[in-house]
Amino acid sequence: MSVIELKNVKYAYGKQSVLGGVNVRLEQGKMYVILGPSGCGKTTLLSLMGGMDSPSCGQILYQGEDIAKTGLAIHRRRHVAFIFQSYNLIDYLTPEENVALTSKLPPLPILEQLGITKAEAKRNVLKLSGGQQQRVAIARAISSDAQVILADEPTGNLDEETAREITGILKDSAHKGGKCVVVVTHSNELANEADVIFRLRKGELQTFTPGRDENAKNKVRKSSVDKK
C-alpha cells in the first residue's frame, strides 16, 4: 500500500488554478523528485502532502486514511519531516538541541555525518553559516521517526561536493531507511539520482522513471530550464 496518495487534488489561489487534479501514489523506500518552472506549484504540492495546507478539492491519504479526517496537525507531527529552504530551526537552540527535539538517537553522530563538527554542534544555530544551518535542518529531518521526508531545495545553499553527499544521504534514507523521500529541486544531479521524477507544469503532474526512459536525462535537463 502507498504511504501517501493524492486523489484528484486541486488547488487554487482565488480564481487562479495551481493544481488541476493530481493523482499519484508514493511508496516507502523510494526517493521522488518534483521538477518544474518557477511558480508552477511545486512547493504548494509539497505543502499539501505535508498537511501545511488543504486542497481546494480532492483527498490526501496517509496509509489509506484521509489526513483531513485524522487531523492535519497530527499528520505534521507524527508522519512527516520537513526540510525547508528557510531552515525553520529554533534559533535560540544549538544544532544538537534542534536535532534532539525530533530524534531518539544521539544527535552528534548524525550531525557529524552531515559535516557539522562537535564544536559547531554546541553553538547557537544563528552563529552558523547558511549552508551549515541547512545541514542541521537535514539532520533533524532524517533522524526523526517520520516515514515521509518532504524537502524543498535541500541542496540549494550547499557547495557541489556537499550537495552530492546530501543527495546520497537522502537516497539512503529512502533505500536503507525505508522512508518516502519527496524533493523539490532545480538540481539535475539530484533529480538523476531519484527513483521517480515528476514534472509539474500547468497544474499537471507527469511521471517518468530514470533508467527506464531512454530520454529521461534529456527531459530532466529540459524541465530545469523550462519556462511558462
Foldseek 3Di string as FASTA:
>chain_A
DFQKWWFQFWAADVPRTQAGTDTDGFHFLFEEEEFADPPNCPVVVLCCQLLVDDTPDTFMDGVRHGCVVVDSVCSNLAAEAEQELVLPFPQAAFLQVRLVVFAPDRLQVLLVLLPQHPVRRHDGLVPDDSLSSLSSSLSSGLRGPHQEYEYEASCVPDDPVSSVSSLVVLSCCRNVVRHGYYYYHLDLVSNLVGQKYWYGHPNYTDIDGPPVDPCVSVVSVCRSPDDD
